[in-house]
Amino acid sequence: MNFTFDIPTQSRSIIKVIGVGGGGSNAVKHMHKQGIKDVEFIICNTDRQALESSTVPNKLQIGVDLTEGLGAGAKPERGRQAALESREQIRELLSNGTKMLFITAGMGGGTGTGAAPV
């Protein structure tokens, strides 16, 4: 009996890990540095400066109008509203063949606590 296996030829990863807020972004930054293959790493934050300083290549600033890039100020409701404001960009980011998504966030701050459930 012969078995044949098809190796996927798609260029985008079907597994994605998204870090939300400062804590989640730090976790994803560490994973990215480990050189894990075939996983797409994304960081998502309301803090523009934190995004710009990260080495993770895939970034999404959420709540641009609401927070003006200054973070959620440890207010989970503000983080939630920021995610809702940016829900179309989030949907777009995850729409290209994502089959499995891991969300990592630190609980207790504004962006991670409020935006991760959205």
PDB file of N, CA and C in Angstrom:
ATOM      1  N   MET A   1       0.843  -1.165   0.000  1.00  0.00           N
ATOM      2  CA  MET A   1       0.000   0.000   0.000  1.00  0.00           C
ATOM      3  C   MET A   1       0.897   1.240   0.000  1.00  0.00           C
ATOM      4  N   ASN A   2       0.670   2.131  -0.952  1.00  0.00           N
ATOM      5  CA  ASN A   2       1.444   3.364  -1.056  1.00  0.00           C
ATOM      6  C   ASN A   2       0.640   4.539  -0.533  1.00  0.00           C
ATOM      7  N   PHE A   3       1.319   5.407   0.174  1.00  0.00           N
ATOM      8  CA  PHE A   3       0.695   6.626   0.683  1.00  0.00           C
ATOM      9  C   PHE A   3       1.379   7.822   0.046  1.00  0.00           C
ATOM     10  N   THR A   4       0.604   8.791  -0.304  1.00  0.00           N
ATOM     11  CA  THR A   4       1.176  10.043  -0.793  1.00  0.00           C
ATOM     12  C   THR A   4       0.687  11.174   0.098  1.00  0.00           C
ATOM     13  N   PHE A   5       1.578  12.088   0.340  1.00  0.00           N
ATOM     14  CA  PHE A   5       1.253  13.229   1.182  1.00  0.00           C
ATOM     15  C   PHE A   5       1.514  14.503   0.407  1.00  0.00           C
ATOM     16  N   ASP A   6       0.564  15.377   0.447  1.00  0.00           N
ATOM     17  CA  ASP A   6       0.739  16.668  -0.204  1.00  0.00           C
ATOM     18  C   ASP A   6       1.332  17.649   0.789  1.00  0.00           C
ATOM     19  N   ILE A   7       2.364  18.320   0.361  1.00  0.00           N
ATOM     20  CA  ILE A   7       2.964  19.356   1.193  1.00  0.00           C
ATOM     21  C   ILE A   7       2.339  20.680   0.790  1.00  0.00           C
ATOM     22  N   PRO A   8       1.799  21.417   1.759  1.00  0.00           N
ATOM     23  CA  PRO A   8       1.170  22.695   1.425  1.00  0.00           C
ATOM     24  C   PRO A   8       2.164  23.632   0.738  1.00  0.00           C
ATOM     25  N   THR A   9       1.670  24.322  -0.274  1.00  0.00           N
ATOM     26  CA  THR A   9       2.529  25.240  -1.021  1.00  0.00           C
ATOM     27  C   THR A   9       2.168  26.696  -0.775  1.00  0.00           C
ATOM     28  N   GLN A  10       1.231  26.940   0.103  1.00  0.00           N
ATOM     29  CA  GLN A  10       0.828  28.320   0.359  1.00  0.00           C
ATOM     30  C   GLN A  10       1.962  29.086   1.028  1.00  0.00           C
ATOM     31  N   SER A  11       2.015  30.384   0.755  1.00  0.00           N
ATOM     32  CA  SER A  11       3.106  31.183   1.299  1.00  0.00           C
ATOM     33  C   SER A  11       2.786  31.750   2.681  1.00  0.00           C
ATOM     34  N   ARG A  12       1.530  31.901   3.019  1.00  0.00           N
ATOM     35  CA  ARG A  12       1.149  32.463   4.312  1.00  0.00           C
ATOM     36  C   ARG A  12       0.943  31.338   5.322  1.00  0.00           C
ATOM     37  N   SER A  13       1.264  31.648   6.560  1.00  0.00           N
ATOM     38  CA  SER A  13       1.073  30.670   7.629  1.00  0.00           C
ATOM     39  C   SER A  13      -0.402  30.552   7.967  1.00  0.00           C
ATOM     40  N   ILE A  14      -0.842  29.340   8.252  1.00  0.00           N
ATOM     41  CA  ILE A  14      -2.228  29.152   8.672  1.00  0.00           C
ATOM     42  C   ILE A  14      -2.354  29.263  10.184  1.00  0.00           C
ATOM     43  N   ILE A  15      -1.206  29.223  10.872  1.00  0.00           N
ATOM     44  CA  ILE A  15      -1.188  29.383  12.329  1.00  0.00           C
ATOM     45  C   ILE A  15      -0.657  30.772  12.641  1.00  0.00           C
ATOM     46  N   LYS A  16      -1.413  31.496  13.444  1.00  0.00           N
ATOM     47  CA  LYS A  16      -1.003  32.847  13.809  1.00  0.00           C
ATOM     48  C   LYS A  16      -1.021  32.994  15.320  1.00  0.00           C
ATOM     49  N   VAL A  17      -0.071  33.773  15.815  1.00  0.00           N
ATOM     50  CA  VAL A  17      -0.007  34.112  17.230  1.00  0.00           C
ATOM     51  C   VAL A  17      -0.054  35.624  17.303  1.00  0.00           C
ATOM     52  N   ILE A  18      -1.061  36.142  17.990  1.00  0.00           N
ATOM     53  CA  ILE A  18      -1.201  37.585  18.109  1.00  0.00           C
ATOM     54  C   ILE A  18      -1.045  37.996  19.567  1.00  0.00           C
ATOM     55  N   GLY A  19      -0.164  38.942  19.794  1.00  0.00           N
ATOM     56  CA  GLY A  19       0.048  39.499  21.122  1.00  0.00           C
ATOM     57  C   GLY A  19      -0.720  40.792  21.235  1.00  0.00           C
ATOM     58  N   VAL A  20      -1.568  40.898  22.237  1.00  0.00           N
ATOM     59  CA  VAL A  20      -2.412  42.080  22.409  1.00  0.00           C
ATOM     60  C   VAL A  20      -1.934  42.853  23.633  1.00  0.00           C
ATOM     61  N   GLY A  21      -1.689  44.147  23.444  1.00  0.00           N
ATOM     62  CA  GLY A  21      -1.218  44.988  24.539  1.00  0.00           C
ATOM     63  C   GLY A  21       0.263  44.776  24.811  1.00  0.00           C
ATOM     64  N   GLY A  22       0.756  45.417  25.859  1.00  0.00           N
ATOM     65  CA  GLY A  22       2.180  45.340  26.185  1.00  0.00           C
ATOM     66  C   GLY A  22       2.637  43.962  26.585  1.00  0.00           C
ATOM     67  N   GLY A  23       1.914  43.307  27.470  1.00  0.00           N
ATOM     68  CA  GLY A  23       2.294  41.967  27.927  1.00  0.00           C
ATOM     69  C   GLY A  23       2.256  40.943  26.813  1.00  0.00           C
ATOM     70  N   GLY A  24       1.184  40.943  26.040  1.00  0.00           N
ATOM     71  CA  GLY A  24       1.058  40.009  24.926  1.00  0.00           C
ATOM     72  C   GLY A  24       2.102  40.253  23.853  1.00  0.00           C
ATOM     73  N   SER A  25       2.385  41.527  23.589  1.00  0.00           N
ATOM     74  CA  SER A  25       3.400  41.872  22.592  1.00  0.00           C
ATOM     75  C   SER A  25       4.782  41.415  23.038  1.00  0.00           C
ATOM     76  N   ASN A  26       5.079  41.547  24.318  1.00  0.00           N
ATOM     77  CA  ASN A  26       6.370  41.077  24.830  1.00  0.00           C
ATOM     78  C   ASN A  26       6.504  39.564  24.691  1.00  0.00           C
ATOM     79  N   ALA A  27       5.431  38.836  24.952  1.00  0.00           N
ATOM     80  CA  ALA A  27       5.457  37.375  24.806  1.00  0.00           C
ATOM     81  C   ALA A  27       5.701  36.986  23.351  1.00  0.00           C
ATOM     82  N   VAL A  28       5.011  37.655  22.431  1.00  0.00           N
ATOM     83  CA  VAL A  28       5.170  37.354  21.006  1.00  0.00           C
ATOM     84  C   VAL A  28       6.565  37.752  20.528  1.00  0.00           C
ATOM     85  N   LYS A  29       7.074  38.854  21.021  1.00  0.00           N
ATOM     86  CA  LYS A  29       8.440  39.281  20.662  1.00  0.00           C
ATOM     87  C   LYS A  29       9.445  38.191  21.048  1.00  0.00           C
ATOM     88  N   HIS A  30       9.284  37.609  22.220  1.00  0.00           N
ATOM     89  CA  HIS A  30      10.168  36.528  22.669  1.00  0.00           C
ATOM     90  C   HIS A  30      10.031  35.303  21.759  1.00  0.00           C
ATOM     91  N   MET A  31       8.805  34.920  21.417  1.00  0.00           N
ATOM     92  CA  MET A  31       8.588  33.766  20.532  1.00  0.00           C
ATOM     93  C   MET A  31       9.219  34.019  19.166  1.00  0.00           C
ATOM     94  N   HIS A  32       9.034  35.222  18.649  1.00  0.00           N
ATOM     95  CA  HIS A  32       9.580  35.586  17.342  1.00  0.00           C
ATOM     96  C   HIS A  32      11.105  35.476  17.343  1.00  0.00           C
ATOM     97  N   LYS A  33      11.729  35.913  18.422  1.00  0.00           N
ATOM     98  CA  LYS A  33      13.193  35.840  18.539  1.00  0.00           C
ATOM     99  C   LYS A  33      13.696  34.399  18.541  1.00  0.00           C
ATOM    100  N   GLN A  34      12.861  33.454  18.955  1.00  0.00           N
ATOM    101  CA  GLN A  34      13.256  32.044  19.002  1.00  0.00           C
ATOM    102  C   GLN A  34      13.346  31.430  17.611  1.00  0.00           C
ATOM    103  N   GLY A  35      12.810  32.122  16.601  1.00  0.00           N
ATOM    104  CA  GLY A  35      12.905  31.637  15.228  1.00  0.00           C
ATOM    105  C   GLY A  35      11.949  30.510  14.894  1.00  0.00           C
ATOM    106  N   ILE A  36      10.829  30.460  15.552  1.00  0.00           N
ATOM    107  CA  ILE A  36       9.830  29.419  15.280  1.00  0.00           C
ATOM    108  C   ILE A  36       9.352  29.552  13.836  1.00  0.00           C
ATOM    109  N   LYS A  37       9.345  28.462  13.112  1.00  0.00           N
ATOM    110  CA  LYS A  37       8.996  28.461  11.690  1.00  0.00           C
ATOM    111  C   LYS A  37       7.511  28.167  11.471  1.00  0.00           C
ATOM    112  N   ASP A  38       7.020  28.607  10.324  1.00  0.00           N
ATOM    113  CA  ASP A  38       5.660  28.329   9.851  1.00  0.00           C
ATOM    114  C   ASP A  38       4.573  28.866  10.768  1.00  0.00           C
ATOM    115  N   VAL A  39       4.882  29.894  11.509  1.00  0.00           N
ATOM    116  CA  VAL A  39       3.912  30.577  12.360  1.00  0.00           C
ATOM    117  C   VAL A  39       4.061  32.062  12.077  1.00  0.00           C
ATOM    118  N   GLU A  40       2.944  32.735  11.901  1.00  0.00           N
ATOM    119  CA  GLU A  40       2.981  34.185  11.698  1.00  0.00           C
ATOM    120  C   GLU A  40       2.753  34.875  13.038  1.00  0.00           C
ATOM    121  N   PHE A  41       3.668  35.741  13.393  1.00  0.00           N
ATOM    122  CA  PHE A  41       3.578  36.483  14.646  1.00  0.00           C
ATOM    123  C   PHE A  41       3.097  37.900  14.371  1.00  0.00           C
ATOM    124  N   ILE A  42       2.151  38.345  15.191  1.00  0.00           N
ATOM    125  CA  ILE A  42       1.552  39.672  15.028  1.00  0.00           C
ATOM    126  C   ILE A  42       1.475  40.319  16.402  1.00  0.00           C
ATOM    127  N   ILE A  43       1.752  41.613  16.465  1.00  0.00           N
ATOM    128  CA  ILE A  43       1.496  42.340  17.704  1.00  0.00           C
ATOM    129  C   ILE A  43       0.460  43.412  17.430  1.00  0.00           C
ATOM    130  N   CYS A  44      -0.353  43.639  18.428  1.00  0.00           N
ATOM    131  CA  CYS A  44      -1.489  44.548  18.320  1.00  0.00           C
ATOM    132  C   CYS A  44      -1.506  45.396  19.590  1.00  0.00           C
ATOM    133  N   ASN A  45      -1.492  46.720  19.422  1.00  0.00           N
ATOM    134  CA  ASN A  45      -1.418  47.572  20.595  1.00  0.00           C
ATOM    135  C   ASN A  45      -2.032  48.933  20.293  1.00  0.00           C
ATOM    136  N   THR A  46      -2.406  49.639  21.340  1.00  0.00           N
ATOM    137  CA  THR A  46      -2.876  51.017  21.201  1.00  0.00           C
ATOM    138  C   THR A  46      -1.706  51.991  21.299  1.00  0.00           C
ATOM    139  N   ASP A  47      -0.584  51.535  21.800  1.00  0.00           N
ATOM    140  CA  ASP A  47       0.594  52.370  22.038  1.00  0.00           C
ATOM    141  C   ASP A  47       1.505  52.359  20.811  1.00  0.00           C
ATOM    142  N   ARG A  48       1.494  53.446  20.056  1.00  0.00           N
ATOM    143  CA  ARG A  48       2.262  53.525  18.808  1.00  0.00           C
ATOM    144  C   ARG A  48       3.764  53.364  19.056  1.00  0.00           C
ATOM    145  N   GLN A  49       4.257  53.981  20.105  1.00  0.00           N
ATOM    146  CA  GLN A  49       5.683  53.928  20.407  1.00  0.00           C
ATOM    147  C   GLN A  49       6.141  52.493  20.701  1.00  0.00           C
ATOM    148  N   ALA A  50       5.331  51.747  21.423  1.00  0.00           N
ATOM    149  CA  ALA A  50       5.658  50.347  21.717  1.00  0.00           C
ATOM    150  C   ALA A  50       5.695  49.519  20.438  1.00  0.00           C
ATOM    151  N   LEU A  51       4.776  49.767  19.528  1.00  0.00           N
ATOM    152  CA  LEU A  51       4.759  49.049  18.253  1.00  0.00           C
ATOM    153  C   LEU A  51       6.010  49.362  17.436  1.00  0.00           C
ATOM    154  N   GLU A  52       6.354  50.636  17.370  1.00  0.00           N
ATOM    155  CA  GLU A  52       7.499  51.050  16.559  1.00  0.00           C
ATOM    156  C   GLU A  52       8.812  50.474  17.073  1.00  0.00           C
ATOM    157  N   SER A  53       8.915  50.260  18.367  1.00  0.00           N
ATOM    158  CA  SER A  53      10.175  49.771  18.934  1.00  0.00           C
ATOM    159  C   SER A  53      10.308  48.246  18.896  1.00  0.00           C
ATOM    160  N   SER A  54       9.267  47.550  18.474  1.00  0.00           N
ATOM    161  CA  SER A  54       9.299  46.086  18.458  1.00  0.00           C
ATOM    162  C   SER A  54       9.949  45.553  17.186  1.00  0.00           C
ATOM    163  N   THR A  55      10.635  44.427  17.314  1.00  0.00           N
ATOM    164  CA  THR A  55      11.266  43.768  16.167  1.00  0.00           C
ATOM    165  C   THR A  55      10.310  42.828  15.428  1.00  0.00           C
ATOM    166  N   VAL A  56       9.122  42.618  15.971  1.00  0.00           N
ATOM    167  CA  VAL A  56       8.130  41.767  15.302  1.00  0.00           C
ATOM    168  C   VAL A  56       7.659  42.508  14.045  1.00  0.00           C
ATOM    169  N   PRO A  57       7.730  41.885  12.871  1.00  0.00           N
ATOM    170  CA  PRO A  57       7.424  42.614  11.634  1.00  0.00           C
ATOM    171  C   PRO A  57       5.942  42.921  11.395  1.00  0.00           C
ATOM    172  N   ASN A  58       5.037  42.099  11.898  1.00  0.00           N
ATOM    173  CA  ASN A  58       3.609  42.301  11.645  1.00  0.00           C
ATOM    174  C   ASN A  58       2.983  43.028  12.822  1.00  0.00           C
ATOM    175  N   LYS A  59       2.514  44.249  12.565  1.00  0.00           N
ATOM    176  CA  LYS A  59       2.013  45.099  13.642  1.00  0.00           C
ATOM    177  C   LYS A  59       0.684  45.720  13.251  1.00  0.00           C
ATOM    178  N   LEU A  60      -0.158  45.898  14.254  1.00  0.00           N
ATOM    179  CA  LEU A  60      -1.429  46.580  14.038  1.00  0.00           C
ATOM    180  C   LEU A  60      -1.680  47.527  15.198  1.00  0.00           C
ATOM    181  N   GLN A  61      -1.781  48.802  14.870  1.00  0.00           N
ATOM    182  CA  GLN A  61      -2.152  49.783  15.887  1.00  0.00           C
ATOM    183  C   GLN A  61      -3.670  49.878  15.891  1.00  0.00           C
ATOM    184  N   ILE A  62      -4.264  49.637  17.047  1.00  0.00           N
ATOM    185  CA  ILE A  62      -5.721  49.706  17.161  1.00  0.00           C
ATOM    186  C   ILE A  62      -6.122  50.972  17.910  1.00  0.00           C
ATOM    187  N   GLY A  63      -7.347  51.411  17.645  1.00  0.00           N
ATOM    188  CA  GLY A  63      -7.879  52.570  18.350  1.00  0.00           C
ATOM    189  C   GLY A  63      -7.142  53.856  18.056  1.00  0.00           C
ATOM    190  N   VAL A  64      -6.724  54.044  16.823  1.00  0.00           N
ATOM    191  CA  VAL A  64      -5.942  55.228  16.452  1.00  0.00           C
ATOM    192  C   VAL A  64      -6.689  56.510  16.793  1.00  0.00           C
ATOM    193  N   ASP A  65      -7.961  56.583  16.437  1.00  0.00           N
ATOM    194  CA  ASP A  65      -8.745  57.795  16.720  1.00  0.00           C
ATOM    195  C   ASP A  65      -9.017  57.953  18.209  1.00  0.00           C
ATOM    196  N   LEU A  66      -9.328  56.862  18.868  1.00  0.00           N
ATOM    197  CA  LEU A  66      -9.685  56.903  20.289  1.00  0.00           C
ATOM    198  C   LEU A  66      -8.494  57.246  21.179  1.00  0.00           C
ATOM    199  N   THR A  67      -7.372  56.588  20.957  1.00  0.00           N
ATOM    200  CA  THR A  67      -6.230  56.750  21.872  1.00  0.00           C
ATOM    201  C   THR A  67      -5.146  57.680  21.344  1.00  0.00           C
ATOM    202  N   GLU A  68      -5.210  57.993  20.063  1.00  0.00           N
ATOM    203  CA  GLU A  68      -4.200  58.831  19.409  1.00  0.00           C
ATOM    204  C   GLU A  68      -2.790  58.271  19.597  1.00  0.00           C
ATOM    205  N   GLY A  69      -2.692  56.949  19.683  1.00  0.00           N
ATOM    206  CA  GLY A  69      -1.402  56.281  19.793  1.00  0.00           C
ATOM    207  C   GLY A  69      -0.778  56.310  21.172  1.00  0.00           C
ATOM    208  N   LEU A  70      -1.544  56.726  22.175  1.00  0.00           N
ATOM    209  CA  LEU A  70      -0.983  56.904  23.515  1.00  0.00           C
ATOM    210  C   LEU A  70      -1.321  55.784  24.488  1.00  0.00           C
ATOM    211  N   GLY A  71      -1.882  54.695  24.026  1.00  0.00           N
ATOM    212  CA  GLY A  71      -2.214  53.586  24.914  1.00  0.00           C
ATOM    213  C   GLY A  71      -3.602  53.727  25.512  1.00  0.00           C
ATOM    214  N   ALA A  72      -3.987  52.720  26.282  1.00  0.00           N
ATOM    215  CA  ALA A  72      -5.333  52.675  26.866  1.00  0.00           C
ATOM    216  C   ALA A  72      -5.359  53.146  28.313  1.00  0.00           C
ATOM    217  N   GLY A  73      -4.216  53.521  28.852  1.00  0.00           N
ATOM    218  CA  GLY A  73      -4.178  54.079  30.201  1.00  0.00           C
ATOM    219  C   GLY A  73      -4.663  53.148  31.292  1.00  0.00           C
ATOM    220  N   ALA A  74      -4.385  51.858  31.165  1.00  0.00           N
ATOM    221  CA  ALA A  74      -4.803  50.854  32.159  1.00  0.00           C
ATOM    222  C   ALA A  74      -6.311  50.798  32.346  1.00  0.00           C
ATOM    223  N   LYS A  75      -7.052  51.170  31.302  1.00  0.00           N
ATOM    224  CA  LYS A  75      -8.517  51.151  31.342  1.00  0.00           C
ATOM    225  C   LYS A  75      -9.024  50.116  30.337  1.00  0.00           C
ATOM    226  N   PRO A  76      -9.441  48.940  30.832  1.00  0.00           N
ATOM    227  CA  PRO A  76      -9.885  47.876  29.927  1.00  0.00           C
ATOM    228  C   PRO A  76     -11.012  48.294  28.981  1.00  0.00           C
ATOM    229  N   GLU A  77     -11.928  49.112  29.435  1.00  0.00           N
ATOM    230  CA  GLU A  77     -13.024  49.539  28.550  1.00  0.00           C
ATOM    231  C   GLU A  77     -12.481  50.344  27.373  1.00  0.00           C
ATOM    232  N   ARG A  78     -11.454  51.114  27.614  1.00  0.00           N
ATOM    233  CA  ARG A  78     -10.815  51.887  26.539  1.00  0.00           C
ATOM    234  C   ARG A  78     -10.127  50.929  25.554  1.00  0.00           C
ATOM    235  N   GLY A  79      -9.499  49.885  26.072  1.00  0.00           N
ATOM    236  CA  GLY A  79      -8.891  48.872  25.211  1.00  0.00           C
ATOM    237  C   GLY A  79      -9.929  48.153  24.367  1.00  0.00           C
ATOM    238  N   ARG A  80     -11.056  47.845  24.974  1.00  0.00           N
ATOM    239  CA  ARG A  80     -12.156  47.190  24.253  1.00  0.00           C
ATOM    240  C   ARG A  80     -12.675  48.086  23.134  1.00  0.00           C
ATOM    241  N   GLN A  81     -12.888  49.353  23.447  1.00  0.00           N
ATOM    242  CA  GLN A  81     -13.379  50.304  22.445  1.00  0.00           C
ATOM    243  C   GLN A  81     -12.368  50.482  21.310  1.00  0.00           C
ATOM    244  N   ALA A  82     -11.087  50.448  21.644  1.00  0.00           N
ATOM    245  CA  ALA A  82     -10.048  50.550  20.619  1.00  0.00           C
ATOM    246  C   ALA A  82     -10.127  49.367  19.654  1.00  0.00           C
ATOM    247  N   ALA A  83     -10.329  48.171  20.185  1.00  0.00           N
ATOM    248  CA  ALA A  83     -10.452  46.977  19.335  1.00  0.00           C
ATOM    249  C   ALA A  83     -11.706  47.049  18.475  1.00  0.00           C
ATOM    250  N   LEU A  84     -12.786  47.525  19.057  1.00  0.00           N
ATOM    251  CA  LEU A  84     -14.024  47.655  18.282  1.00  0.00           C
ATOM    252  C   LEU A  84     -13.860  48.672  17.157  1.00  0.00           C
ATOM    253  N   GLU A  85     -13.159  49.755  17.442  1.00  0.00           N
ATOM    254  CA  GLU A  85     -12.895  50.769  16.414  1.00  0.00           C
ATOM    255  C   GLU A  85     -12.112  50.168  15.244  1.00  0.00           C
ATOM    256  N   SER A  86     -11.232  49.234  15.540  1.00  0.00           N
ATOM    257  CA  SER A  86     -10.334  48.661  14.529  1.00  0.00           C
ATOM    258  C   SER A  86     -10.739  47.263  14.090  1.00  0.00           C
ATOM    259  N   ARG A  87     -11.967  46.872  14.350  1.00  0.00           N
ATOM    260  CA  ARG A  87     -12.373  45.487  14.075  1.00  0.00           C
ATOM    261  C   ARG A  87     -12.230  45.090  12.610  1.00  0.00           C
ATOM    262  N   GLU A  88     -12.418  46.020  11.683  1.00  0.00           N
ATOM    263  CA  GLU A  88     -12.273  45.667  10.262  1.00  0.00           C
ATOM    264  C   GLU A  88     -10.815  45.356   9.922  1.00  0.00           C
ATOM    265  N   GLN A  89      -9.893  46.137  10.478  1.00  0.00           N
ATOM    266  CA  GLN A  89      -8.474  45.871  10.243  1.00  0.00           C
ATOM    267  C   GLN A  89      -8.069  44.534  10.869  1.00  0.00           C
ATOM    268  N   ILE A  90      -8.613  44.233  12.036  1.00  0.00           N
ATOM    269  CA  ILE A  90      -8.326  42.949  12.696  1.00  0.00           C
ATOM    270  C   ILE A  90      -8.858  41.800  11.842  1.00  0.00           C
ATOM    271  N   ARG A  91     -10.076  41.949  11.371  1.00  0.00           N
ATOM    272  CA  ARG A  91     -10.691  40.913  10.526  1.00  0.00           C
ATOM    273  C   ARG A  91      -9.860  40.694   9.261  1.00  0.00           C
ATOM    274  N   GLU A  92      -9.423  41.782   8.657  1.00  0.00           N
ATOM    275  CA  GLU A  92      -8.620  41.715   7.441  1.00  0.00           C
ATOM    276  C   GLU A  92      -7.284  40.996   7.693  1.00  0.00           C
ATOM    277  N   LEU A  93      -6.668  41.311   8.810  1.00  0.00           N
ATOM    278  CA  LEU A  93      -5.388  40.718   9.183  1.00  0.00           C
ATOM    279  C   LEU A  93      -5.486  39.201   9.333  1.00  0.00           C
ATOM    280  N   LEU A  94      -6.622  38.727   9.778  1.00  0.00           N
ATOM    281  CA  LEU A  94      -6.803  37.300  10.057  1.00  0.00           C
ATOM    282  C   LEU A  94      -7.554  36.550   8.961  1.00  0.00           C
ATOM    283  N   SER A  95      -7.955  37.244   7.904  1.00  0.00           N
ATOM    284  CA  SER A  95      -8.817  36.626   6.896  1.00  0.00           C
ATOM    285  C   SER A  95      -8.066  35.797   5.858  1.00  0.00           C
ATOM    286  N   ASN A  96      -6.768  35.900   5.795  1.00  0.00           N
ATOM    287  CA  ASN A  96      -6.026  35.254   4.711  1.00  0.00           C
ATOM    288  C   ASN A  96      -5.529  33.855   5.077  1.00  0.00           C
ATOM    289  N   GLY A  97      -6.443  32.951   5.239  1.00  0.00           N
ATOM    290  CA  GLY A  97      -6.078  31.549   5.448  1.00  0.00           C
ATOM    291  C   GLY A  97      -5.793  31.135   6.873  1.00  0.00           C
ATOM    292  N   THR A  98      -6.144  31.948   7.833  1.00  0.00           N
ATOM    293  CA  THR A  98      -5.908  31.590   9.232  1.00  0.00           C
ATOM    294  C   THR A  98      -6.776  30.396   9.609  1.00  0.00           C
ATOM    295  N   LYS A  99      -6.152  29.337  10.092  1.00  0.00           N
ATOM    296  CA  LYS A  99      -6.880  28.151  10.544  1.00  0.00           C
ATOM    297  C   LYS A  99      -6.826  28.006  12.059  1.00  0.00           C
ATOM    298  N   MET A 100      -5.765  28.542  12.671  1.00  0.00           N
ATOM    299  CA  MET A 100      -5.609  28.452  14.118  1.00  0.00           C
ATOM    300  C   MET A 100      -4.999  29.763  14.606  1.00  0.00           C
ATOM    301  N   LEU A 101      -5.597  30.309  15.659  1.00  0.00           N
ATOM    302  CA  LEU A 101      -5.137  31.581  16.202  1.00  0.00           C
ATOM    303  C   LEU A 101      -4.914  31.449  17.698  1.00  0.00           C
ATOM    304  N   PHE A 102      -3.731  31.841  18.135  1.00  0.00           N
ATOM    305  CA  PHE A 102      -3.422  31.916  19.559  1.00  0.00           C
ATOM    306  C   PHE A 102      -3.362  33.386  19.933  1.00  0.00           C
ATOM    307  N   ILE A 103      -4.102  33.757  20.960  1.00  0.00           N
ATOM    308  CA  ILE A 103      -4.118  35.137  21.437  1.00  0.00           C
ATOM    309  C   ILE A 103      -3.426  35.167  22.785  1.00  0.00           C
ATOM    310  N   THR A 104      -2.420  36.022  22.909  1.00  0.00           N
ATOM    311  CA  THR A 104      -1.727  36.161  24.179  1.00  0.00           C
ATOM    312  C   THR A 104      -1.831  37.606  24.644  1.00  0.00           C
ATOM    313  N   ALA A 105      -2.148  37.767  25.914  1.00  0.00           N
ATOM    314  CA  ALA A 105      -2.299  39.104  26.489  1.00  0.00           C
ATOM    315  C   ALA A 105      -2.066  39.032  27.987  1.00  0.00           C
ATOM    316  N   GLY A 106      -1.526  40.090  28.523  1.00  0.00           N
ATOM    317  CA  GLY A 106      -1.401  40.200  29.968  1.00  0.00           C
ATOM    318  C   GLY A 106      -2.696  40.773  30.522  1.00  0.00           C
ATOM    319  N   MET A 107      -3.191  40.205  31.593  1.00  0.00           N
ATOM    320  CA  MET A 107      -4.423  40.707  32.193  1.00  0.00           C
ATOM    321  C   MET A 107      -4.087  41.702  33.302  1.00  0.00           C
ATOM    322  N   GLY A 108      -4.810  42.815  33.305  1.00  0.00           N
ATOM    323  CA  GLY A 108      -4.609  43.816  34.342  1.00  0.00           C
ATOM    324  C   GLY A 108      -4.376  45.200  33.783  1.00  0.00           C
ATOM    325  N   GLY A 109      -3.897  45.285  32.553  1.00  0.00           N
ATOM    326  CA  GLY A 109      -3.707  46.579  31.912  1.00  0.00           C
ATOM    327  C   GLY A 109      -4.948  46.972  31.133  1.00  0.00           C
ATOM    328  N   GLY A 110      -4.810  47.901  30.230  1.00  0.00           N
ATOM    329  CA  GLY A 110      -5.956  48.376  29.467  1.00  0.00           C
ATOM    330  C   GLY A 110      -6.158  47.655  28.150  1.00  0.00           C
ATOM    331  N   THR A 111      -5.130  47.648  27.306  1.00  0.00           N
ATOM    332  CA  THR A 111      -5.293  47.090  25.963  1.00  0.00           C
ATOM    333  C   THR A 111      -5.459  45.576  25.989  1.00  0.00           C
ATOM    334  N   GLY A 112      -4.561  44.864  26.635  1.00  0.00           N
ATOM    335  CA  GLY A 112      -4.652  43.400  26.673  1.00  0.00           C
ATOM    336  C   GLY A 112      -5.935  42.916  27.311  1.00  0.00           C
ATOM    337  N   THR A 113      -6.276  43.483  28.452  1.00  0.00           N
ATOM    338  CA  THR A 113      -7.473  43.062  29.187  1.00  0.00           C
ATOM    339  C   THR A 113      -8.740  43.376  28.411  1.00  0.00           C
ATOM    340  N   GLY A 114      -8.791  44.553  27.810  1.00  0.00           N
ATOM    341  CA  GLY A 114     -10.010  44.980  27.130  1.00  0.00           C
ATOM    342  C   GLY A 114     -10.137  44.514  25.699  1.00  0.00           C
ATOM    343  N   ALA A 115      -9.019  44.470  24.963  1.00  0.00           N
ATOM    344  CA  ALA A 115      -9.081  44.177  23.531  1.00  0.00           C
ATOM    345  C   ALA A 115      -8.997  42.693  23.197  1.00  0.00           C
ATOM    346  N   ALA A 116      -8.303  41.893  23.999  1.00  0.00           N
ATOM    347  CA  ALA A 116      -8.127  40.469  23.673  1.00  0.00           C
ATOM    348  C   ALA A 116      -9.448  39.723  23.493  1.00  0.00           C
ATOM    349  N   PRO A 117     -10.463  39.958  24.328  1.00  0.00           N
ATOM    350  CA  PRO A 117     -11.725  39.236  24.128  1.00  0.00           C
ATOM    351  C   PRO A 117     -12.479  39.622  22.852  1.00  0.00           C
ATOM    352  N   VAL A 118     -12.184  40.793  22.311  1.00  0.00           N
ATOM    353  CA  VAL A 118     -12.888  41.255  21.105  1.00  0.00           C
ATOM    354  C   VAL A 118     -12.383  40.474  19.908  1.00  0.00           C
TER     355      VAL A 118
END
